[in-house]
Amino acid sequence: MMLMISFPQEYKLYWTELRGTTLFFYNDKKSTIYVDKLDIIDLTCLNEQNSTDKNCAKFTLVLPKEEVQLKTENTESGEEWRGFILTITELSVPQHVSLLPGQVIRLHEVLEREKKRRIETERLPSTPLEEEREPIEDYVDVLNPMPACFYAVSRKEATEMLEKNPSLGNMILRPGSDSRNFSITIRQEIDMPRIKHYKVMSVGKNYTIELEKPVTLPNLFSVIDYFMKETRGNLRPFIYSTDENLGMFFI
């Protein structure tokens, strides 16, 4: 897909999520599978464009190998997106952004989470090239084989995230205590809210969910799908940034 769009009439609307230093593009707000993504960790600069339409904001992301033009639905969201992108890529809150005090506070919160995420990511073991898994589903990205609800958090932190933000989802995939395997933390409301944890063991090229009858699946995306299907959609991936980093982009 061409991300560089030369003419405004060719812009296509996506719901966009900024997770870490990657922009994920979705066809609609409810979709859990992204259709494209853009890593902006090597962002050279963010150039604002003059627009004849005063009801939107346009800017260009200049990367080492490409330039990507983006347009937001209004100027307010454009300024907020600019703040988020610069905060994440420069690891500092930009001083020259026209945001409300509450929005600036959110930038500082996002900055602290990103610093923590990078530290946690460095601790995760890398997968040798000869052990890389072949994609089983057409939407599995081998360059970043992690479902959207994966967070490098502890058991306690996952529980707190689910309890404090029930509207964002009720299922988190996280690293296991041994940093080799994984765990699923869920929050269900039947008679009363309950938190449960399930071990997901890495077995060769597959993953086994430790249930009364163990279930073995080909990848972590399938693990998430299994929980969703078995609960008939009652379990939903927890997408933390939906509340603050998910918005519409034309690219």
C-alpha atoms as a PDB file:
ATOM      1  CA  MET A   1       0.000   0.000   0.000  1.00  0.00           C
ATOM      2  CA  MET A   2       1.229   3.506  -0.840  1.00  0.00           C
ATOM      3  CA  LEU A   3       1.381   5.644   2.268  1.00  0.00           C
ATOM      4  CA  MET A   4       2.665   8.699   0.426  1.00  0.00           C
ATOM      5  CA  ILE A   5      -0.378  10.421  -1.057  1.00  0.00           C
ATOM      6  CA  SER A   6       0.253  13.247  -3.478  1.00  0.00           C
ATOM      7  CA  PHE A   7      -3.280  14.578  -3.977  1.00  0.00           C
ATOM      8  CA  PRO A   8      -5.774  15.461  -1.223  1.00  0.00           C
ATOM      9  CA  GLN A   9      -8.656  13.755  -3.025  1.00  0.00           C
ATOM     10  CA  GLU A  10      -6.770  10.484  -2.714  1.00  0.00           C
ATOM     11  CA  TYR A  11      -6.608  10.573   1.067  1.00  0.00           C
ATOM     12  CA  LYS A  12      -8.159   7.520   2.692  1.00  0.00           C
ATOM     13  CA  LEU A  13      -9.744   7.580   6.131  1.00  0.00           C
ATOM     14  CA  TYR A  14      -8.347   5.289   8.853  1.00  0.00           C
ATOM     15  CA  TRP A  15      -8.847   5.000  12.565  1.00  0.00           C
ATOM     16  CA  THR A  16      -5.317   5.325  13.838  1.00  0.00           C
ATOM     17  CA  GLU A  17      -3.647   4.185  17.032  1.00  0.00           C
ATOM     18  CA  LEU A  18      -0.234   5.217  18.297  1.00  0.00           C
ATOM     19  CA  ARG A  19       1.240   2.308  20.235  1.00  0.00           C
ATOM     20  CA  GLY A  20       4.830   2.810  21.304  1.00  0.00           C
ATOM     21  CA  THR A  21       6.577   4.270  18.265  1.00  0.00           C
ATOM     22  CA  THR A  22       4.259   2.656  15.735  1.00  0.00           C
ATOM     23  CA  LEU A  23       1.127   4.014  14.101  1.00  0.00           C
ATOM     24  CA  PHE A  24      -1.466   1.293  13.462  1.00  0.00           C
ATOM     25  CA  PHE A  25      -4.189   1.910  10.893  1.00  0.00           C
ATOM     26  CA  TYR A  26      -7.656   0.330  11.168  1.00  0.00           C
ATOM     27  CA  ASN A  27     -10.617   0.364   8.811  1.00  0.00           C
ATOM     28  CA  ASP A  28     -12.948   1.297  11.656  1.00  0.00           C
ATOM     29  CA  LYS A  29     -12.931   2.009  15.372  1.00  0.00           C
ATOM     30  CA  LYS A  30     -14.164  -1.449  16.421  1.00  0.00           C
ATOM     31  CA  SER A  31     -11.639  -3.437  14.390  1.00  0.00           C
ATOM     32  CA  THR A  32      -8.945  -5.289  16.371  1.00  0.00           C
ATOM     33  CA  ILE A  33      -6.877  -6.156  13.280  1.00  0.00           C
ATOM     34  CA  TYR A  34      -4.869  -3.371  11.707  1.00  0.00           C
ATOM     35  CA  VAL A  35      -4.604  -3.040   7.933  1.00  0.00           C
ATOM     36  CA  ASP A  36      -1.269  -1.241   7.898  1.00  0.00           C
ATOM     37  CA  LYS A  37       1.288   0.247  10.241  1.00  0.00           C
ATOM     38  CA  LEU A  38       4.104   2.763  10.221  1.00  0.00           C
ATOM     39  CA  ASP A  39       7.125   2.746  12.521  1.00  0.00           C
ATOM     40  CA  ILE A  40       8.112   6.331  13.307  1.00  0.00           C
ATOM     41  CA  ILE A  41      10.980   5.709  15.738  1.00  0.00           C
ATOM     42  CA  ASP A  42      13.449   7.136  13.174  1.00  0.00           C
ATOM     43  CA  LEU A  43      11.336  10.219  12.471  1.00  0.00           C
ATOM     44  CA  THR A  44      13.570  12.962  11.073  1.00  0.00           C
ATOM     45  CA  CYS A  45      11.070  15.762  11.434  1.00  0.00           C
ATOM     46  CA  LEU A  46       7.384  16.612  11.406  1.00  0.00           C
ATOM     47  CA  ASN A  47       6.506  19.356   8.947  1.00  0.00           C
ATOM     48  CA  GLU A  48       3.210  21.183   9.104  1.00  0.00           C
ATOM     49  CA  GLN A  49       1.525  21.991   5.803  1.00  0.00           C
ATOM     50  CA  ASN A  50      -0.523  25.022   4.948  1.00  0.00           C
ATOM     51  CA  SER A  51      -4.095  23.977   4.285  1.00  0.00           C
ATOM     52  CA  THR A  52      -6.860  25.855   2.510  1.00  0.00           C
ATOM     53  CA  ASP A  53      -9.286  23.924   4.679  1.00  0.00           C
ATOM     54  CA  LYS A  54      -9.246  25.580   8.098  1.00  0.00           C
ATOM     55  CA  ASN A  55     -11.234  22.686   9.583  1.00  0.00           C
ATOM     56  CA  CYS A  56      -8.398  20.165   9.303  1.00  0.00           C
ATOM     57  CA  ALA A  57      -4.674  19.883   9.950  1.00  0.00           C
ATOM     58  CA  LYS A  58      -2.102  18.497   7.533  1.00  0.00           C
ATOM     59  CA  PHE A  59       1.465  17.517   8.219  1.00  0.00           C
ATOM     60  CA  THR A  60       4.228  15.361   6.782  1.00  0.00           C
ATOM     61  CA  LEU A  61       6.207  12.741   8.658  1.00  0.00           C
ATOM     62  CA  VAL A  62       9.736  12.755   7.248  1.00  0.00           C
ATOM     63  CA  LEU A  63      11.391   9.350   7.666  1.00  0.00           C
ATOM     64  CA  PRO A  64      14.783   8.125   6.362  1.00  0.00           C
ATOM     65  CA  LYS A  65      13.238   6.245   3.419  1.00  0.00           C
ATOM     66  CA  GLU A  66       9.891   7.917   2.861  1.00  0.00           C
ATOM     67  CA  GLU A  67       7.645  10.861   3.564  1.00  0.00           C
ATOM     68  CA  VAL A  68       4.091  10.240   4.727  1.00  0.00           C
ATOM     69  CA  GLN A  69       1.385  12.881   4.471  1.00  0.00           C
ATOM     70  CA  LEU A  70      -1.332  12.833   7.120  1.00  0.00           C
ATOM     71  CA  LYS A  71      -4.504  14.828   7.561  1.00  0.00           C
ATOM     72  CA  THR A  72      -6.643  14.960  10.689  1.00  0.00           C
ATOM     73  CA  GLU A  73     -10.371  15.607  10.874  1.00  0.00           C
ATOM     74  CA  ASN A  74      -9.913  18.939  12.694  1.00  0.00           C
ATOM     75  CA  THR A  75      -7.181  21.314  13.825  1.00  0.00           C
ATOM     76  CA  GLU A  76      -7.591  20.435  17.507  1.00  0.00           C
ATOM     77  CA  SER A  77      -6.924  16.737  16.992  1.00  0.00           C
ATOM     78  CA  GLY A  78      -4.073  17.629  14.651  1.00  0.00           C
ATOM     79  CA  GLU A  79      -2.300  19.598  17.352  1.00  0.00           C
ATOM     80  CA  GLU A  80      -2.853  16.773  19.841  1.00  0.00           C
ATOM     81  CA  TRP A  81      -1.502  14.174  17.409  1.00  0.00           C
ATOM     82  CA  ARG A  82       1.537  16.361  16.781  1.00  0.00           C
ATOM     83  CA  GLY A  83       2.135  16.472  20.522  1.00  0.00           C
ATOM     84  CA  PHE A  84       1.853  12.695  20.897  1.00  0.00           C
ATOM     85  CA  ILE A  85       4.123  11.923  17.943  1.00  0.00           C
ATOM     86  CA  LEU A  86       6.851  14.353  19.000  1.00  0.00           C
ATOM     87  CA  THR A  87       6.669  13.206  22.626  1.00  0.00           C
ATOM     88  CA  ILE A  88       7.111   9.558  21.664  1.00  0.00           C
ATOM     89  CA  THR A  89       9.852  10.031  19.076  1.00  0.00           C
ATOM     90  CA  GLU A  90      11.875  12.677  20.936  1.00  0.00           C
ATOM     91  CA  LEU A  91      11.210  11.241  24.410  1.00  0.00           C
ATOM     92  CA  SER A  92      10.325  14.685  25.688  1.00  0.00           C
ATOM     93  CA  VAL A  93       7.176  16.780  25.799  1.00  0.00           C
ATOM     94  CA  PRO A  94       7.361  19.497  23.112  1.00  0.00           C
ATOM     95  CA  GLN A  95       7.182  23.037  24.432  1.00  0.00           C
ATOM     96  CA  HIS A  96       5.609  24.666  21.379  1.00  0.00           C
ATOM     97  CA  VAL A  97       2.232  22.928  21.164  1.00  0.00           C
ATOM     98  CA  SER A  98      -1.117  24.629  21.676  1.00  0.00           C
ATOM     99  CA  LEU A  99      -2.761  22.211  24.086  1.00  0.00           C
ATOM    100  CA  LEU A 100      -4.900  22.513  27.184  1.00  0.00           C
ATOM    101  CA  PRO A 101      -3.298  21.788  30.585  1.00  0.00           C
ATOM    102  CA  GLY A 102      -5.077  18.434  30.792  1.00  0.00           C
ATOM    103  CA  GLN A 103      -3.737  17.414  27.383  1.00  0.00           C
ATOM    104  CA  VAL A 104      -0.196  18.356  28.412  1.00  0.00           C
ATOM    105  CA  ILE A 105      -0.569  16.192  31.518  1.00  0.00           C
ATOM    106  CA  ARG A 106      -1.557  13.298  29.263  1.00  0.00           C
ATOM    107  CA  LEU A 107       1.589  13.841  27.191  1.00  0.00           C
ATOM    108  CA  HIS A 108       3.696  13.541  30.336  1.00  0.00           C
ATOM    109  CA  GLU A 109       1.848  10.341  31.279  1.00  0.00           C
ATOM    110  CA  VAL A 110       2.401   8.907  27.791  1.00  0.00           C
ATOM    111  CA  LEU A 111       6.083   9.855  27.986  1.00  0.00           C
ATOM    112  CA  GLU A 112       6.567   7.965  31.253  1.00  0.00           C
ATOM    113  CA  ARG A 113       4.787   4.893  29.859  1.00  0.00           C
ATOM    114  CA  GLU A 114       6.931   4.960  26.720  1.00  0.00           C
ATOM    115  CA  LYS A 115      10.153   5.181  28.741  1.00  0.00           C
ATOM    116  CA  LYS A 116       8.979   2.233  30.835  1.00  0.00           C
ATOM    117  CA  ARG A 117       7.938   0.287  27.726  1.00  0.00           C
ATOM    118  CA  ARG A 118      11.371   0.684  26.149  1.00  0.00           C
ATOM    119  CA  ILE A 119      13.066  -0.534  29.320  1.00  0.00           C
ATOM    120  CA  GLU A 120      10.767  -3.548  29.486  1.00  0.00           C
ATOM    121  CA  THR A 121      11.236  -4.286  25.773  1.00  0.00           C
ATOM    122  CA  GLU A 122      15.002  -4.351  26.179  1.00  0.00           C
ATOM    123  CA  ARG A 123      14.595  -7.003  28.865  1.00  0.00           C
ATOM    124  CA  LEU A 124      12.558  -9.331  26.632  1.00  0.00           C
ATOM    125  CA  PRO A 125      14.647 -12.077  24.975  1.00  0.00           C
ATOM    126  CA  SER A 126      15.120 -11.700  21.236  1.00  0.00           C
ATOM    127  CA  THR A 127      14.170 -14.578  18.936  1.00  0.00           C
ATOM    128  CA  PRO A 128      17.062 -16.086  16.900  1.00  0.00           C
ATOM    129  CA  LEU A 129      16.513 -15.793  13.152  1.00  0.00           C
ATOM    130  CA  GLU A 130      16.526 -19.552  12.700  1.00  0.00           C
ATOM    131  CA  GLU A 131      13.671 -19.871  15.182  1.00  0.00           C
ATOM    132  CA  GLU A 132      11.381 -17.260  13.634  1.00  0.00           C
ATOM    133  CA  ARG A 133       7.868 -18.552  13.124  1.00  0.00           C
ATOM    134  CA  GLU A 134       6.209 -18.657   9.721  1.00  0.00           C
ATOM    135  CA  PRO A 135       2.991 -16.626   9.571  1.00  0.00           C
ATOM    136  CA  ILE A 136      -0.045 -18.902   9.863  1.00  0.00           C
ATOM    137  CA  GLU A 137      -2.720 -16.262   9.413  1.00  0.00           C
ATOM    138  CA  ASP A 138      -2.502 -13.650   6.698  1.00  0.00           C
ATOM    139  CA  TYR A 139      -2.734 -10.865   9.286  1.00  0.00           C
ATOM    140  CA  VAL A 140       0.130 -12.106  11.477  1.00  0.00           C
ATOM    141  CA  ASP A 141       3.033  -9.707  11.142  1.00  0.00           C
ATOM    142  CA  VAL A 142       6.340 -11.518  11.645  1.00  0.00           C
ATOM    143  CA  LEU A 143       8.122  -8.201  12.066  1.00  0.00           C
ATOM    144  CA  ASN A 144       6.018  -7.433  15.122  1.00  0.00           C
ATOM    145  CA  PRO A 145       4.263 -10.691  16.126  1.00  0.00           C
ATOM    146  CA  MET A 146       2.316  -9.288  19.029  1.00  0.00           C
ATOM    147  CA  PRO A 147      -1.453  -8.813  19.364  1.00  0.00           C
ATOM    148  CA  ALA A 148      -2.663  -5.297  20.118  1.00  0.00           C
ATOM    149  CA  CYS A 149      -3.462  -6.260  23.732  1.00  0.00           C
ATOM    150  CA  PHE A 150       0.140  -7.208  24.585  1.00  0.00           C
ATOM    151  CA  TYR A 151       1.762  -5.087  27.285  1.00  0.00           C
ATOM    152  CA  ALA A 152       5.127  -5.577  28.981  1.00  0.00           C
ATOM    153  CA  VAL A 153       3.590  -5.333  32.446  1.00  0.00           C
ATOM    154  CA  SER A 154       3.552  -7.437  35.609  1.00  0.00           C
ATOM    155  CA  ARG A 155       0.634  -9.479  36.923  1.00  0.00           C
ATOM    156  CA  LYS A 156      -0.211  -6.701  39.390  1.00  0.00           C
ATOM    157  CA  GLU A 157       0.007  -3.955  36.762  1.00  0.00           C
ATOM    158  CA  ALA A 158      -2.218  -5.895  34.348  1.00  0.00           C
ATOM    159  CA  THR A 159      -4.814  -6.333  37.091  1.00  0.00           C
ATOM    160  CA  GLU A 160      -4.758  -2.610  37.883  1.00  0.00           C
ATOM    161  CA  MET A 161      -5.110  -1.687  34.193  1.00  0.00           C
ATOM    162  CA  LEU A 162      -8.201  -3.876  33.823  1.00  0.00           C
ATOM    163  CA  GLU A 163      -9.784  -2.636  37.055  1.00  0.00           C
ATOM    164  CA  LYS A 164      -9.207   1.053  36.344  1.00  0.00           C
ATOM    165  CA  ASN A 165     -10.267   0.994  32.680  1.00  0.00           C
ATOM    166  CA  PRO A 166     -13.034  -1.631  32.208  1.00  0.00           C
ATOM    167  CA  SER A 167     -14.410   0.162  29.144  1.00  0.00           C
ATOM    168  CA  LEU A 168     -11.180  -0.411  27.180  1.00  0.00           C
ATOM    169  CA  GLY A 169     -11.378  -4.201  27.233  1.00  0.00           C
ATOM    170  CA  ASN A 170     -10.962  -7.057  29.697  1.00  0.00           C
ATOM    171  CA  MET A 171      -8.107  -9.200  28.399  1.00  0.00           C
ATOM    172  CA  ILE A 172      -4.363  -8.518  28.494  1.00  0.00           C
ATOM    173  CA  LEU A 173      -1.492 -10.569  27.104  1.00  0.00           C
ATOM    174  CA  ARG A 174       1.708 -10.058  29.071  1.00  0.00           C
ATOM    175  CA  PRO A 175       5.145 -11.638  29.580  1.00  0.00           C
ATOM    176  CA  GLY A 176       5.277 -14.649  31.890  1.00  0.00           C
ATOM    177  CA  SER A 177       7.265 -14.581  35.106  1.00  0.00           C
ATOM    178  CA  ASP A 178      10.164 -16.389  33.397  1.00  0.00           C
ATOM    179  CA  SER A 179      10.279 -13.920  30.442  1.00  0.00           C
ATOM    180  CA  ARG A 180      10.117 -16.838  27.990  1.00  0.00           C
ATOM    181  CA  ASN A 181       6.458 -17.697  28.177  1.00  0.00           C
ATOM    182  CA  PHE A 182       3.346 -15.537  28.410  1.00  0.00           C
ATOM    183  CA  SER A 183       0.259 -15.051  30.541  1.00  0.00           C
ATOM    184  CA  ILE A 184      -3.295 -13.931  29.867  1.00  0.00           C
ATOM    185  CA  THR A 185      -4.983 -11.771  32.505  1.00  0.00           C
ATOM    186  CA  ILE A 186      -8.755 -11.374  32.215  1.00  0.00           C
ATOM    187  CA  ARG A 187     -11.451  -9.557  34.154  1.00  0.00           C
ATOM    188  CA  GLN A 188     -14.965 -10.981  34.031  1.00  0.00           C
ATOM    189  CA  GLU A 189     -18.152  -9.689  35.608  1.00  0.00           C
ATOM    190  CA  ILE A 190     -20.555 -12.521  36.370  1.00  0.00           C
ATOM    191  CA  ASP A 191     -21.889 -12.138  39.908  1.00  0.00           C
ATOM    192  CA  MET A 192     -19.034  -9.786  40.742  1.00  0.00           C
ATOM    193  CA  PRO A 193     -15.804  -8.691  39.014  1.00  0.00           C
ATOM    194  CA  ARG A 194     -13.211 -11.462  38.997  1.00  0.00           C
ATOM    195  CA  ILE A 195      -9.607 -11.455  37.834  1.00  0.00           C
ATOM    196  CA  LYS A 196      -8.108 -14.645  36.419  1.00  0.00           C
ATOM    197  CA  HIS A 197      -4.685 -15.491  35.017  1.00  0.00           C
ATOM    198  CA  TYR A 198      -3.814 -18.167  32.471  1.00  0.00           C
ATOM    199  CA  LYS A 199      -0.349 -19.390  31.523  1.00  0.00           C
ATOM    200  CA  VAL A 200       0.530 -19.518  27.823  1.00  0.00           C
ATOM    201  CA  MET A 201       3.568 -21.728  27.297  1.00  0.00           C
ATOM    202  CA  SER A 202       5.883 -21.460  24.304  1.00  0.00           C
ATOM    203  CA  VAL A 203       6.249 -25.012  22.963  1.00  0.00           C
ATOM    204  CA  GLY A 204       8.426 -25.209  19.876  1.00  0.00           C
ATOM    205  CA  LYS A 205       6.721 -23.066  17.248  1.00  0.00           C
ATOM    206  CA  ASN A 206       3.353 -23.225  19.007  1.00  0.00           C
ATOM    207  CA  TYR A 207       1.727 -21.873  22.168  1.00  0.00           C
ATOM    208  CA  THR A 208      -0.180 -23.952  24.711  1.00  0.00           C
ATOM    209  CA  ILE A 209      -2.822 -22.453  26.998  1.00  0.00           C
ATOM    210  CA  GLU A 210      -2.671 -24.269  30.337  1.00  0.00           C
ATOM    211  CA  LEU A 211      -6.310 -25.197  30.894  1.00  0.00           C
ATOM    212  CA  GLU A 212      -7.886 -28.330  32.368  1.00  0.00           C
ATOM    213  CA  LYS A 213      -7.598 -29.620  28.820  1.00  0.00           C
ATOM    214  CA  PRO A 214      -4.551 -27.798  27.360  1.00  0.00           C
ATOM    215  CA  VAL A 215      -5.132 -26.043  24.052  1.00  0.00           C
ATOM    216  CA  THR A 216      -2.251 -25.683  21.582  1.00  0.00           C
ATOM    217  CA  LEU A 217      -2.370 -22.956  18.936  1.00  0.00           C
ATOM    218  CA  PRO A 218       0.038 -21.772  16.219  1.00  0.00           C
ATOM    219  CA  ASN A 219       0.541 -18.169  17.353  1.00  0.00           C
ATOM    220  CA  LEU A 220      -0.392 -15.542  19.929  1.00  0.00           C
ATOM    221  CA  PHE A 221      -3.054 -14.037  17.679  1.00  0.00           C
ATOM    222  CA  SER A 222      -4.814 -17.398  17.701  1.00  0.00           C
ATOM    223  CA  VAL A 223      -4.542 -17.480  21.497  1.00  0.00           C
ATOM    224  CA  ILE A 224      -6.418 -14.181  21.745  1.00  0.00           C
ATOM    225  CA  ASP A 225      -8.993 -15.342  19.169  1.00  0.00           C
ATOM    226  CA  TYR A 226      -9.546 -18.549  21.170  1.00  0.00           C
ATOM    227  CA  PHE A 227     -10.498 -16.658  24.329  1.00  0.00           C
ATOM    228  CA  MET A 228     -12.778 -14.337  22.369  1.00  0.00           C
ATOM    229  CA  LYS A 229     -14.579 -17.161  20.558  1.00  0.00           C
ATOM    230  CA  GLU A 230     -14.906 -19.405  23.624  1.00  0.00           C
ATOM    231  CA  THR A 231     -16.565 -16.593  25.569  1.00  0.00           C
ATOM    232  CA  ARG A 232     -18.687 -15.523  22.578  1.00  0.00           C
ATOM    233  CA  GLY A 233     -17.108 -12.108  22.545  1.00  0.00           C
ATOM    234  CA  ASN A 234     -17.446 -11.442  26.274  1.00  0.00           C
ATOM    235  CA  LEU A 235     -13.672 -11.182  26.468  1.00  0.00           C
ATOM    236  CA  ARG A 236     -12.275  -8.268  24.449  1.00  0.00           C
ATOM    237  CA  PRO A 237      -8.632  -7.269  23.905  1.00  0.00           C
ATOM    238  CA  PHE A 238      -7.643  -4.413  26.202  1.00  0.00           C
ATOM    239  CA  ILE A 239      -6.547  -1.512  24.002  1.00  0.00           C
ATOM    240  CA  TYR A 240      -5.198   1.063  26.414  1.00  0.00           C
ATOM    241  CA  SER A 241      -4.635   3.836  23.913  1.00  0.00           C
ATOM    242  CA  THR A 242      -8.166   3.714  22.500  1.00  0.00           C
ATOM    243  CA  ASP A 243      -9.188   6.371  25.019  1.00  0.00           C
ATOM    244  CA  GLU A 244      -6.465   8.829  24.175  1.00  0.00           C
ATOM    245  CA  ASN A 245      -4.387   7.814  21.173  1.00  0.00           C
ATOM    246  CA  LEU A 246      -7.014   6.495  18.788  1.00  0.00           C
ATOM    247  CA  GLY A 247      -8.411   8.918  16.265  1.00  0.00           C
ATOM    248  CA  MET A 248      -9.087   9.398  12.592  1.00  0.00           C
ATOM    249  CA  PHE A 249      -6.362   9.993  10.051  1.00  0.00           C
ATOM    250  CA  PHE A 250      -6.490  10.521   6.317  1.00  0.00           C
ATOM    251  CA  ILE A 251      -3.329   9.168   4.670  1.00  0.00           C
END
